[in-house]
Amino acid sequence: MTALTGTGKLVRLVLRRDRVLLPIWILTFAGLMATIVASFNALFTTAADRQSYADASAADPGFTALYGPLHGSSLGELTVWRAGFYPVLIALIALLTVIRHTRTDEEAGRRELIGATVVGRHAGMAAALSVTLVANLVLAALVAAALAGQGLPAAGSLAAGLQLAAAGWVFAAVGAVAAQLTSGAGSARGIAVGVLGGTWLLRVIGDVSGLSGGGASWLSWLSPIGWAHKLRPYAGERWWVLLLVVALTALLAGMAVALEARRDVGAGLLPDRPGPAAAAPGLRSPLALGWRLHRGLLAAWTAGFAVIGVVLGGAASSVADMVADNSNLEDLFTRMGGSTGIVDAYLVSVMGILGLLAAGYAIQATLRLRAEETSGRAEPVLATAVGRLQWAGSHLVFSILGSALALVAAGLTVGLTYGLSSGDLGHQLSQVLQGALVQVPAVWVLAAVAVALVGLAPRFAAVAWGVLGACVILGLVGAALQLDQWVMDLSPFTHVPRVPGADVAATPLVLLLAVAVALGGAGLAGLRRRGIPAT
């Protein structure tokens, strides 16, 4: 038996388990790329309009930090630039997918069970990497077809697709390495996400420094996220950059294989820190245990939202400056509703995206209930005087309040950054913070969906991610696809007041809260009555 024996069968197992999630994220990003082309076609009808927009955007530090460098004013170049944050999202999905099928399975005991069959030592990691790498290539092919189908050059369209796949490839391998370092999936995710954040920051510093001819522009060459932008789709493609991507991916995958061969199943290379013999007084309640389990995730999400808020707030001030400093754009945006309306529309879209991200945290925190149950850690807790609702509440409090805290952090940093730059701190901070808070009821609806699935259909708890994916599609491409309003209304985020720029209406928020309470209550009732663990 070789180290890769059984890889094919494990590939089929991975595909079976991800038969819903894989198509959702692949089709979502392919659709988003196609939608950007249609949006720019509708917004800038002439080459002169596109050139004015490109001239103002290319020299703006806020836009460069958010989207990356803009190399020209063609429709393809604008499309790829506007999707400049997508490689980060693809990288995040890739690393989480690999960790889920390696370290998470190992932590749950599934790896040991599968390893008792005719399966090689490295077959599990090879299967996870194979599926993730091929999925990114499928995404690249769909993106290339979608863009070329709208009249964009074929070579640039292929490069645009490979730009996304490049980030996914490198960080799939990063996830494989991180999975070997620790014995816990949470710690592995933290390491991999930290690497992703660090490389994104290198890209931002390098690209922003390059605008002014600073000496730190070389830093973007140290970042795999920066490499994706260096490919330059539609702007004289640098195909050789892909060699860097392939080489680093192969190096990291080989490192992961070598590290896996040096450790025991279930263990990590980094030593676990032994805990005290007796629990501290503050760890003697379900809520205290929940805090212990959720604090790292909550801190990471909150800090991430705060940092993203600074970047997005800076870009908001850039929108206003761009309009004020360019007479052609000022005339164009005046016909569209004025610069104030453009900035408000930008802030509304930013808050909507942050709301969807916060829903991702809420779902992740809620599904910790199912993870504790399937890993066998819930039963010892429930064997004490702790009731099921008390145990569930100790996790759901972080799903509910944690998502609200993350949105408040983002609202504060966006409002502060934009308010200070615009000279209207009090008004802008209040308006932007309201825009963040009105997202909370919609976020809680998706958290309640996850609760309902955990309580009533625990085997399908992961479908909650599919529901979030559907909301992302409806929110980002539904209008461009001209879907019927009743379809758009299926997303709770459709009913959120468009703040800033509109008055806060209480009725839709109350209705969203009522839906969240109903779904959450049904889920908790089911959890109280069903068996634990449920198979």
Protein backbone atom coordinates (compact mmCIF):
# COMPACT_ATOMS: atom_id res chain seq x y z
CA MET A 1 0.00 0.00 0.00
CA THR A 2 1.37 3.42 -0.98
CA ALA A 3 0.91 6.71 0.84
CA LEU A 4 -1.73 7.79 -1.72
CA THR A 5 -3.76 4.58 -1.82
CA GLY A 6 -7.47 5.33 -1.74
CA THR A 7 -7.16 8.93 -2.87
CA GLY A 8 -9.74 8.49 -5.63
CA LYS A 9 -12.35 7.15 -3.22
CA LEU A 10 -11.71 9.97 -0.78
CA VAL A 11 -12.06 12.47 -3.62
CA ARG A 12 -15.54 11.09 -4.25
CA LEU A 13 -16.26 11.40 -0.53
CA VAL A 14 -15.17 15.05 -0.49
CA LEU A 15 -17.32 15.76 -3.54
CA ARG A 16 -20.25 14.04 -1.88
CA ARG A 17 -19.91 16.11 1.28
CA ASP A 18 -19.44 19.39 -0.61
CA ARG A 19 -22.01 18.75 -3.32
CA VAL A 20 -23.92 21.86 -2.22
CA LEU A 21 -21.17 24.25 -1.12
CA LEU A 22 -18.84 23.77 -4.08
CA PRO A 23 -21.36 24.70 -6.81
CA ILE A 24 -22.66 27.62 -4.74
CA TRP A 25 -19.38 29.46 -4.35
CA ILE A 26 -18.13 28.63 -7.84
CA LEU A 27 -21.31 29.85 -9.56
CA THR A 28 -21.58 32.84 -7.24
CA PHE A 29 -18.18 34.27 -8.12
CA ALA A 30 -18.56 33.48 -11.80
CA GLY A 31 -21.91 35.31 -11.77
CA LEU A 32 -20.46 38.25 -9.88
CA MET A 33 -17.71 38.71 -12.44
CA ALA A 34 -20.24 38.70 -15.28
CA THR A 35 -22.42 41.17 -13.40
CA ILE A 36 -19.56 43.66 -13.00
CA VAL A 37 -19.21 43.82 -16.78
CA ALA A 38 -22.91 44.59 -17.18
CA SER A 39 -22.75 47.21 -14.42
CA PHE A 40 -19.85 49.10 -16.02
CA ASN A 41 -21.52 48.91 -19.42
CA ALA A 42 -24.63 50.53 -17.98
CA LEU A 43 -22.79 53.09 -15.83
CA PHE A 44 -20.19 54.29 -18.35
CA THR A 45 -21.61 54.32 -21.83
CA THR A 46 -18.65 56.00 -23.57
CA ALA A 47 -14.89 55.51 -23.60
CA ALA A 48 -14.47 59.08 -22.33
CA ASP A 49 -16.58 58.34 -19.25
CA ARG A 50 -14.54 55.22 -18.56
CA GLN A 51 -11.29 57.12 -19.00
CA SER A 52 -12.34 59.86 -16.57
CA TYR A 53 -13.37 57.28 -14.01
CA ALA A 54 -10.13 55.32 -14.47
CA ASP A 55 -7.92 58.42 -14.20
CA ALA A 56 -9.48 59.39 -10.89
CA SER A 57 -9.58 55.85 -9.48
CA ALA A 58 -6.07 54.76 -10.46
CA ALA A 59 -4.45 57.57 -8.46
CA ASP A 60 -6.62 57.13 -5.38
CA PRO A 61 -5.00 55.39 -2.36
CA GLY A 62 -8.34 54.28 -0.92
CA PHE A 63 -9.42 52.50 -4.07
CA THR A 64 -5.96 51.02 -4.55
CA ALA A 65 -5.99 49.62 -1.03
CA LEU A 66 -9.42 48.07 -1.53
CA TYR A 67 -9.26 46.83 -5.12
CA GLY A 68 -5.60 46.90 -6.10
CA PRO A 69 -3.88 48.82 -8.91
CA LEU A 70 -5.84 49.88 -12.00
CA HIS A 71 -3.83 49.61 -15.21
CA GLY A 72 -6.16 51.12 -17.82
CA SER A 73 -9.65 52.23 -18.74
CA SER A 74 -10.90 49.38 -20.93
CA LEU A 75 -14.01 47.52 -19.88
CA GLY A 76 -11.98 44.41 -19.06
CA GLU A 77 -9.42 46.29 -16.96
CA LEU A 78 -12.16 48.05 -14.98
CA THR A 79 -13.97 44.75 -14.42
CA VAL A 80 -10.91 42.96 -13.07
CA TRP A 81 -9.96 45.95 -10.91
CA ARG A 82 -13.45 46.17 -9.40
CA ALA A 83 -13.19 42.48 -8.48
CA GLY A 84 -9.83 43.11 -6.82
CA PHE A 85 -10.95 41.84 -3.42
CA TYR A 86 -12.32 38.58 -4.82
CA PRO A 87 -8.93 36.78 -4.70
CA VAL A 88 -8.93 37.27 -0.93
CA LEU A 89 -12.39 35.71 -0.63
CA ILE A 90 -11.45 32.80 -2.92
CA ALA A 91 -8.28 32.24 -0.87
CA LEU A 92 -10.35 32.16 2.33
CA ILE A 93 -12.77 29.60 0.90
CA ALA A 94 -9.90 27.44 -0.34
CA LEU A 95 -8.03 27.29 2.95
CA LEU A 96 -11.20 26.63 4.93
CA THR A 97 -12.15 23.81 2.56
CA VAL A 98 -8.81 22.05 2.93
CA ILE A 99 -8.78 22.42 6.72
CA ARG A 100 -12.34 21.12 6.90
CA HIS A 101 -11.42 17.90 5.11
CA THR A 102 -8.13 17.39 6.93
CA ARG A 103 -7.72 18.77 10.44
CA THR A 104 -11.45 19.01 11.20
CA ASP A 105 -11.99 15.37 10.20
CA GLU A 106 -8.97 14.39 12.25
CA GLU A 107 -10.19 16.27 15.30
CA ALA A 108 -13.62 14.65 15.03
CA GLY A 109 -12.11 11.13 14.79
CA ARG A 110 -13.20 10.48 11.20
CA ARG A 111 -9.61 10.38 9.96
CA GLU A 112 -8.74 7.55 12.34
CA LEU A 113 -11.81 5.60 11.28
CA ILE A 114 -11.01 5.99 7.59
CA GLY A 115 -7.35 5.26 8.25
CA ALA A 116 -8.30 1.82 9.57
CA THR A 117 -9.28 0.87 6.01
CA VAL A 118 -7.04 0.48 2.96
CA VAL A 119 -6.10 4.16 2.78
CA GLY A 120 -2.64 5.67 2.55
CA ARG A 121 -1.32 8.16 5.09
CA HIS A 122 -1.44 11.13 2.73
CA ALA A 123 -4.61 10.17 0.81
CA GLY A 124 -6.90 12.43 2.84
CA MET A 125 -4.82 15.54 2.30
CA ALA A 126 -4.27 14.67 -1.36
CA ALA A 127 -8.03 14.33 -1.87
CA ALA A 128 -8.77 17.65 -0.15
CA LEU A 129 -6.12 19.47 -2.15
CA SER A 130 -7.13 17.82 -5.44
CA VAL A 131 -10.78 18.80 -5.10
CA THR A 132 -9.95 22.37 -4.05
CA LEU A 133 -7.40 22.93 -6.81
CA VAL A 134 -9.69 21.52 -9.50
CA ALA A 135 -12.63 23.54 -8.18
CA ASN A 136 -10.56 26.70 -8.61
CA LEU A 137 -9.72 25.71 -12.18
CA VAL A 138 -13.43 25.15 -12.86
CA LEU A 139 -14.09 28.62 -11.48
CA ALA A 140 -11.39 30.04 -13.76
CA ALA A 141 -12.95 28.36 -16.78
CA LEU A 142 -16.45 29.64 -15.96
CA VAL A 143 -15.19 33.18 -15.36
CA ALA A 144 -13.27 33.12 -18.64
CA ALA A 145 -16.33 31.89 -20.52
CA ALA A 146 -18.62 34.44 -18.87
CA LEU A 147 -16.35 37.39 -19.63
CA ALA A 148 -15.47 36.29 -23.16
CA GLY A 149 -19.16 35.72 -23.80
CA GLN A 150 -19.76 39.44 -23.19
CA GLY A 151 -17.29 40.46 -25.87
CA LEU A 152 -14.11 40.84 -23.82
CA PRO A 153 -10.80 39.53 -25.23
CA ALA A 154 -10.33 35.80 -24.73
CA ALA A 155 -6.76 36.02 -23.41
CA GLY A 156 -7.67 38.64 -20.81
CA SER A 157 -10.76 36.67 -19.81
CA LEU A 158 -8.68 33.56 -19.21
CA ALA A 159 -6.19 35.59 -17.17
CA ALA A 160 -9.06 37.05 -15.13
CA GLY A 161 -10.25 33.57 -14.26
CA LEU A 162 -6.75 32.37 -13.43
CA GLN A 163 -6.25 35.44 -11.23
CA LEU A 164 -8.92 34.08 -8.90
CA ALA A 165 -7.69 30.50 -9.17
CA ALA A 166 -4.12 31.55 -8.37
CA ALA A 167 -5.11 32.84 -4.94
CA GLY A 168 -7.18 29.72 -4.31
CA TRP A 169 -4.29 27.42 -5.21
CA VAL A 170 -1.71 29.04 -2.95
CA PHE A 171 -3.99 29.26 0.06
CA ALA A 172 -5.32 25.74 -0.36
CA ALA A 173 -1.71 24.70 0.21
CA VAL A 174 -1.41 27.17 3.10
CA GLY A 175 -4.43 25.50 4.67
CA ALA A 176 -2.80 22.09 4.24
CA VAL A 177 0.34 23.27 6.06
CA ALA A 178 -1.66 24.92 8.85
CA ALA A 179 -3.60 21.68 9.35
CA GLN A 180 -0.36 19.93 10.31
CA LEU A 181 0.71 22.44 12.92
CA THR A 182 -2.00 22.22 15.56
CA SER A 183 -4.29 19.58 16.98
CA GLY A 184 -7.36 21.82 16.74
CA ALA A 185 -9.18 22.92 13.60
CA GLY A 186 -9.88 26.33 15.11
CA SER A 187 -6.19 27.00 15.68
CA ALA A 188 -5.36 25.81 12.16
CA ARG A 189 -7.95 28.18 10.71
CA GLY A 190 -6.55 31.00 12.81
CA ILE A 191 -3.01 30.41 11.52
CA ALA A 192 -4.09 30.20 7.88
CA VAL A 193 -6.36 33.24 8.08
CA GLY A 194 -3.56 35.15 9.80
CA VAL A 195 -1.24 34.34 6.90
CA LEU A 196 -3.93 35.47 4.46
CA GLY A 197 -4.40 38.74 6.34
CA GLY A 198 -0.66 39.35 6.44
CA THR A 199 -0.21 38.78 2.71
CA TRP A 200 -3.18 41.03 1.92
CA LEU A 201 -1.64 43.75 4.08
CA LEU A 202 1.68 43.39 2.24
CA ARG A 203 -0.20 43.82 -1.04
CA VAL A 204 -1.96 46.95 0.23
CA ILE A 205 1.22 48.57 1.55
CA GLY A 206 3.16 47.78 -1.59
CA ASP A 207 0.50 48.99 -4.03
CA VAL A 208 -0.31 52.17 -2.11
CA SER A 209 3.40 52.95 -1.80
CA GLY A 210 3.78 52.44 -5.53
CA LEU A 211 1.28 55.23 -6.25
CA SER A 212 3.66 57.86 -4.90
CA GLY A 213 6.85 56.18 -6.01
CA GLY A 214 7.60 55.03 -2.48
CA GLY A 215 10.31 52.56 -1.67
CA ALA A 216 7.96 49.92 -0.31
CA SER A 217 6.30 49.00 -3.60
CA TRP A 218 8.37 45.79 -3.74
CA LEU A 219 6.36 44.42 -0.80
CA SER A 220 3.49 43.49 -3.08
CA TRP A 221 5.84 40.99 -4.79
CA LEU A 222 6.13 39.15 -1.47
CA SER A 223 2.38 38.52 -1.41
CA PRO A 224 0.56 35.75 -3.31
CA ILE A 225 -2.45 38.07 -3.30
CA GLY A 226 -0.21 40.65 -4.95
CA TRP A 227 0.83 38.07 -7.54
CA ALA A 228 -2.79 37.70 -8.59
CA HIS A 229 -2.88 41.42 -9.41
CA LYS A 230 0.52 41.25 -11.12
CA LEU A 231 -0.99 38.91 -13.71
CA ARG A 232 -2.57 42.05 -15.28
CA PRO A 233 -5.55 40.67 -17.23
CA TYR A 234 -6.45 42.79 -20.29
CA ALA A 235 -3.35 44.96 -19.68
CA GLY A 236 -0.57 42.92 -21.26
CA GLU A 237 -0.89 39.63 -19.43
CA ARG A 238 2.14 38.43 -17.48
CA TRP A 239 1.66 34.70 -17.82
CA TRP A 240 4.98 33.96 -16.16
CA VAL A 241 3.52 35.06 -12.82
CA LEU A 242 1.57 31.82 -12.83
CA LEU A 243 4.89 29.97 -12.52
CA LEU A 244 5.37 31.64 -9.13
CA VAL A 245 1.92 30.47 -8.10
CA VAL A 246 2.50 26.88 -9.20
CA ALA A 247 5.96 26.77 -7.62
CA LEU A 248 4.78 28.07 -4.24
CA THR A 249 1.74 25.80 -4.27
CA ALA A 250 3.94 22.79 -4.96
CA LEU A 251 6.43 23.85 -2.29
CA LEU A 252 3.75 24.29 0.36
CA ALA A 253 2.00 21.04 -0.59
CA GLY A 254 5.30 19.20 -0.35
CA MET A 255 5.94 20.82 3.01
CA ALA A 256 2.50 19.69 4.22
CA VAL A 257 3.25 16.12 3.14
CA ALA A 258 6.60 16.17 4.94
CA LEU A 259 5.05 17.59 8.10
CA GLU A 260 2.21 15.05 8.06
CA ALA A 261 4.75 12.24 7.90
CA ARG A 262 6.45 13.54 11.07
CA ARG A 263 3.45 13.60 13.39
CA ASP A 264 0.96 11.20 14.92
CA VAL A 265 -2.66 11.06 13.84
CA GLY A 266 -4.65 13.52 15.95
CA ALA A 267 -1.58 15.46 17.04
CA GLY A 268 -0.06 18.67 15.77
CA LEU A 269 3.57 19.63 15.39
CA LEU A 270 3.14 22.61 17.70
CA PRO A 271 2.86 21.29 21.26
CA ASP A 272 -0.45 21.74 23.04
CA ARG A 273 -0.28 23.91 26.10
CA PRO A 274 -1.37 21.85 29.11
CA GLY A 275 -4.23 23.32 31.07
CA PRO A 276 -4.50 23.59 34.85
CA ALA A 277 -5.53 20.55 36.85
CA ALA A 278 -8.67 22.31 38.10
CA ALA A 279 -10.92 24.77 36.32
CA ALA A 280 -10.77 28.39 37.35
CA PRO A 281 -13.80 29.74 39.26
CA GLY A 282 -14.82 31.71 36.17
CA LEU A 283 -15.08 28.53 34.08
CA ARG A 284 -17.81 26.82 36.10
CA SER A 285 -20.85 27.81 34.06
CA PRO A 286 -22.03 27.05 30.50
CA LEU A 287 -21.66 30.71 29.55
CA ALA A 288 -18.07 30.77 30.79
CA LEU A 289 -17.32 27.65 28.76
CA GLY A 290 -18.97 29.26 25.74
CA TRP A 291 -16.78 32.33 26.20
CA ARG A 292 -13.71 30.11 26.34
CA LEU A 293 -14.71 28.40 23.09
CA HIS A 294 -15.85 31.49 21.17
CA ARG A 295 -13.55 34.26 22.36
CA GLY A 296 -10.83 33.70 19.77
CA LEU A 297 -13.28 33.59 16.87
CA LEU A 298 -15.16 36.63 18.16
CA ALA A 299 -11.97 38.64 18.62
CA ALA A 300 -10.73 37.74 15.13
CA TRP A 301 -14.00 38.66 13.42
CA THR A 302 -14.37 41.90 15.37
CA ALA A 303 -10.80 42.98 14.66
CA GLY A 304 -11.20 42.02 11.01
CA PHE A 305 -14.39 44.06 10.69
CA ALA A 306 -12.69 47.04 12.31
CA VAL A 307 -9.75 46.89 9.89
CA ILE A 308 -12.00 46.43 6.87
CA GLY A 309 -14.06 49.36 8.11
CA VAL A 310 -11.01 51.64 8.03
CA VAL A 311 -10.28 50.63 4.43
CA LEU A 312 -13.90 51.00 3.32
CA GLY A 313 -14.27 54.32 5.11
CA GLY A 314 -11.19 55.62 3.36
CA ALA A 315 -12.63 54.50 0.04
CA ALA A 316 -15.86 56.38 0.85
CA SER A 317 -13.95 59.63 1.21
CA SER A 318 -12.22 58.76 -2.04
CA VAL A 319 -15.58 58.57 -3.80
CA ALA A 320 -16.40 62.11 -2.72
CA ASP A 321 -12.93 63.41 -3.62
CA MET A 322 -13.05 61.69 -6.98
CA VAL A 323 -16.29 63.44 -7.88
CA ALA A 324 -15.13 66.81 -6.57
CA ASP A 325 -11.80 66.76 -8.39
CA ASN A 326 -12.98 65.61 -11.80
CA SER A 327 -15.39 67.81 -13.74
CA ASN A 328 -16.34 65.07 -16.19
CA LEU A 329 -17.23 62.67 -13.39
CA GLU A 330 -19.02 65.45 -11.54
CA ASP A 331 -21.27 65.99 -14.57
CA LEU A 332 -21.79 62.25 -14.94
CA PHE A 333 -22.67 61.67 -11.28
CA THR A 334 -24.86 64.79 -11.18
CA ARG A 335 -27.04 63.14 -13.81
CA MET A 336 -27.10 60.03 -11.60
CA GLY A 337 -28.18 61.90 -8.47
CA GLY A 338 -25.22 63.95 -7.28
CA SER A 339 -22.07 63.14 -5.37
CA THR A 340 -23.89 62.89 -2.05
CA GLY A 341 -26.18 60.26 -3.48
CA ILE A 342 -23.19 58.36 -4.88
CA VAL A 343 -21.44 58.30 -1.50
CA ASP A 344 -24.63 57.22 0.27
CA ALA A 345 -25.16 54.48 -2.32
CA TYR A 346 -21.58 53.33 -1.75
CA LEU A 347 -22.07 53.24 2.02
CA VAL A 348 -25.35 51.33 1.64
CA SER A 349 -23.63 48.71 -0.51
CA VAL A 350 -20.73 48.50 1.95
CA MET A 351 -23.07 47.97 4.88
CA GLY A 352 -24.94 45.30 2.90
CA ILE A 353 -21.72 43.40 2.23
CA LEU A 354 -20.67 43.70 5.88
CA GLY A 355 -24.10 42.39 6.88
CA LEU A 356 -23.59 39.30 4.72
CA LEU A 357 -20.14 38.79 6.24
CA ALA A 358 -21.56 39.16 9.75
CA ALA A 359 -24.16 36.54 8.87
CA GLY A 360 -21.26 34.23 8.04
CA TYR A 361 -19.89 34.71 11.56
CA ALA A 362 -23.34 34.19 13.08
CA ILE A 363 -23.81 30.92 11.19
CA GLN A 364 -20.33 29.73 12.11
CA ALA A 365 -20.92 30.47 15.80
CA THR A 366 -24.34 28.81 15.73
CA LEU A 367 -23.05 25.66 14.04
CA ARG A 368 -20.61 25.27 16.93
CA LEU A 369 -23.60 23.63 18.64
CA ARG A 370 -23.59 20.87 16.05
CA ALA A 371 -19.78 20.57 16.17
CA GLU A 372 -19.85 20.13 19.96
CA GLU A 373 -22.57 17.51 19.57
CA THR A 374 -20.90 15.43 16.86
CA SER A 375 -17.50 15.54 18.58
CA GLY A 376 -18.98 14.12 21.78
CA ARG A 377 -18.20 17.18 23.91
CA ALA A 378 -21.84 18.12 24.43
CA GLU A 379 -22.78 14.94 26.28
CA PRO A 380 -20.45 15.46 29.29
CA VAL A 381 -21.85 18.97 29.71
CA LEU A 382 -25.45 17.83 29.46
CA ALA A 383 -24.76 14.97 31.89
CA THR A 384 -24.49 17.61 34.62
CA ALA A 385 -27.25 19.89 35.88
CA VAL A 386 -27.01 21.95 32.68
CA GLY A 387 -30.18 21.82 30.58
CA ARG A 388 -30.25 21.70 26.81
CA LEU A 389 -31.60 25.21 26.40
CA GLN A 390 -29.02 26.56 28.81
CA TRP A 391 -26.27 24.80 26.86
CA ALA A 392 -27.60 26.08 23.54
CA GLY A 393 -27.98 29.59 24.91
CA SER A 394 -24.34 29.63 26.02
CA HIS A 395 -23.36 29.36 22.34
CA LEU A 396 -26.16 31.37 20.76
CA VAL A 397 -25.41 34.44 22.86
CA PHE A 398 -22.17 34.78 20.90
CA SER A 399 -23.92 34.18 17.60
CA ILE A 400 -26.47 36.91 18.39
CA LEU A 401 -24.44 39.50 20.26
CA GLY A 402 -21.14 38.72 18.55
CA SER A 403 -22.51 39.44 15.08
CA ALA A 404 -23.97 42.71 16.35
CA LEU A 405 -20.63 43.62 17.96
CA ALA A 406 -18.75 42.97 14.71
CA LEU A 407 -21.16 45.21 12.78
CA VAL A 408 -20.85 47.95 15.39
CA ALA A 409 -17.06 47.76 15.13
CA ALA A 410 -17.26 48.11 11.35
CA GLY A 411 -19.82 50.90 11.56
CA LEU A 412 -17.68 52.84 14.00
CA THR A 413 -14.49 52.56 11.94
CA VAL A 414 -16.22 53.34 8.64
CA GLY A 415 -18.02 56.30 10.22
CA LEU A 416 -14.93 57.61 11.98
CA THR A 417 -12.71 57.30 8.91
CA TYR A 418 -15.18 58.90 6.54
CA GLY A 419 -16.40 61.46 9.08
CA LEU A 420 -12.90 62.71 9.88
CA SER A 421 -11.96 62.98 6.21
CA SER A 422 -15.21 64.76 5.29
CA GLY A 423 -15.14 67.16 8.25
CA ASP A 424 -18.61 66.07 9.38
CA LEU A 425 -17.76 63.48 12.02
CA GLY A 426 -20.89 63.67 14.18
CA HIS A 427 -23.42 63.34 11.36
CA GLN A 428 -21.55 60.76 9.32
CA LEU A 429 -20.70 58.57 12.31
CA SER A 430 -24.35 58.52 13.35
CA GLN A 431 -25.59 57.75 9.83
CA VAL A 432 -23.06 55.01 9.11
CA LEU A 433 -23.58 53.40 12.51
CA GLN A 434 -27.32 53.29 11.82
CA GLY A 435 -26.56 51.67 8.48
CA ALA A 436 -24.61 48.96 10.29
CA LEU A 437 -27.22 48.38 12.99
CA VAL A 438 -30.15 47.94 10.59
CA GLN A 439 -28.32 44.90 9.19
CA VAL A 440 -28.55 43.11 12.54
CA PRO A 441 -32.14 41.76 12.26
CA ALA A 442 -31.37 40.26 8.82
CA VAL A 443 -28.22 38.67 10.23
CA TRP A 444 -30.23 37.20 13.08
CA VAL A 445 -32.68 35.66 10.61
CA LEU A 446 -29.86 33.65 9.03
CA ALA A 447 -28.57 32.70 12.47
CA ALA A 448 -32.10 31.52 13.30
CA VAL A 449 -32.14 29.44 10.11
CA ALA A 450 -29.01 27.69 11.38
CA VAL A 451 -30.66 27.13 14.79
CA ALA A 452 -33.73 25.66 13.11
CA LEU A 453 -31.61 23.27 11.07
CA VAL A 454 -29.56 22.20 14.10
CA GLY A 455 -32.71 21.54 16.11
CA LEU A 456 -35.03 20.07 13.49
CA ALA A 457 -32.76 18.61 10.79
CA PRO A 458 -29.26 18.30 12.30
CA ARG A 459 -27.90 16.21 9.43
CA PHE A 460 -28.54 19.16 7.11
CA ALA A 461 -27.16 21.88 9.40
CA ALA A 462 -24.55 22.84 6.79
CA VAL A 463 -27.38 23.92 4.47
CA ALA A 464 -27.32 27.17 6.45
CA TRP A 465 -24.23 28.10 4.41
CA GLY A 466 -26.22 27.46 1.26
CA VAL A 467 -28.91 29.85 2.48
CA LEU A 468 -26.23 32.50 3.02
CA GLY A 469 -24.88 31.82 -0.47
CA ALA A 470 -28.36 32.34 -1.92
CA CYS A 471 -28.63 35.67 -0.10
CA VAL A 472 -25.24 36.71 -1.49
CA ILE A 473 -26.37 35.88 -5.02
CA LEU A 474 -29.66 37.72 -4.63
CA GLY A 475 -28.02 40.75 -3.07
CA LEU A 476 -25.13 41.12 -5.48
CA VAL A 477 -26.46 39.90 -8.81
CA GLY A 478 -30.24 39.65 -8.39
CA ALA A 479 -30.96 43.16 -9.65
CA ALA A 480 -28.62 42.77 -12.63
CA LEU A 481 -30.33 39.50 -13.53
CA GLN A 482 -33.72 41.29 -13.31
CA LEU A 483 -35.20 38.65 -11.04
CA ASP A 484 -38.82 38.99 -9.97
CA GLN A 485 -39.36 40.96 -6.79
CA TRP A 486 -40.82 37.96 -4.94
CA VAL A 487 -37.53 36.14 -5.55
CA MET A 488 -35.54 39.10 -4.25
CA ASP A 489 -37.80 39.25 -1.19
CA LEU A 490 -36.66 35.77 -0.15
CA SER A 491 -33.48 37.35 1.20
CA PRO A 492 -33.92 39.10 4.55
CA PHE A 493 -31.36 41.69 3.44
CA THR A 494 -33.76 42.89 0.75
CA HIS A 495 -36.01 44.30 3.50
CA VAL A 496 -33.28 46.22 5.34
CA PRO A 497 -33.72 50.04 5.13
CA ARG A 498 -31.17 51.66 2.81
CA VAL A 499 -29.33 53.72 5.42
CA PRO A 500 -27.66 56.19 5.03
CA GLY A 501 -29.69 58.04 2.44
CA ALA A 502 -33.15 56.95 3.64
CA ASP A 503 -35.18 57.04 6.83
CA VAL A 504 -35.13 54.05 9.17
CA ALA A 505 -38.45 52.20 8.89
CA ALA A 506 -39.30 50.16 11.98
CA THR A 507 -41.86 47.81 10.38
CA PRO A 508 -39.49 45.66 8.26
CA LEU A 509 -37.02 45.43 11.14
CA VAL A 510 -39.73 44.25 13.55
CA LEU A 511 -40.93 41.68 11.01
CA LEU A 512 -37.41 40.38 10.53
CA LEU A 513 -37.01 40.03 14.29
CA ALA A 514 -40.31 38.16 14.46
CA VAL A 515 -39.15 35.74 11.77
CA ALA A 516 -35.87 35.22 13.62
CA VAL A 517 -37.68 34.51 16.89
CA ALA A 518 -40.06 32.07 15.21
CA LEU A 519 -37.30 30.13 13.44
CA GLY A 520 -35.03 30.14 16.46
CA GLY A 521 -37.84 29.06 18.76
CA ALA A 522 -38.74 26.17 16.47
CA GLY A 523 -35.12 25.08 16.37
CA LEU A 524 -34.72 25.19 20.15
CA ALA A 525 -37.96 23.25 20.61
CA GLY A 526 -36.65 20.57 18.26
CA LEU A 527 -33.29 20.49 20.04
CA ARG A 528 -35.03 20.00 23.35
CA ARG A 529 -36.97 16.96 22.13
CA ARG A 530 -34.58 15.10 19.82
CA GLY A 531 -31.81 12.72 20.71
CA ILE A 532 -28.27 13.90 21.38
CA PRO A 533 -26.14 13.09 19.54
CA ALA A 534 -28.34 12.91 16.45
CA THR A 535 -26.97 10.86 13.57
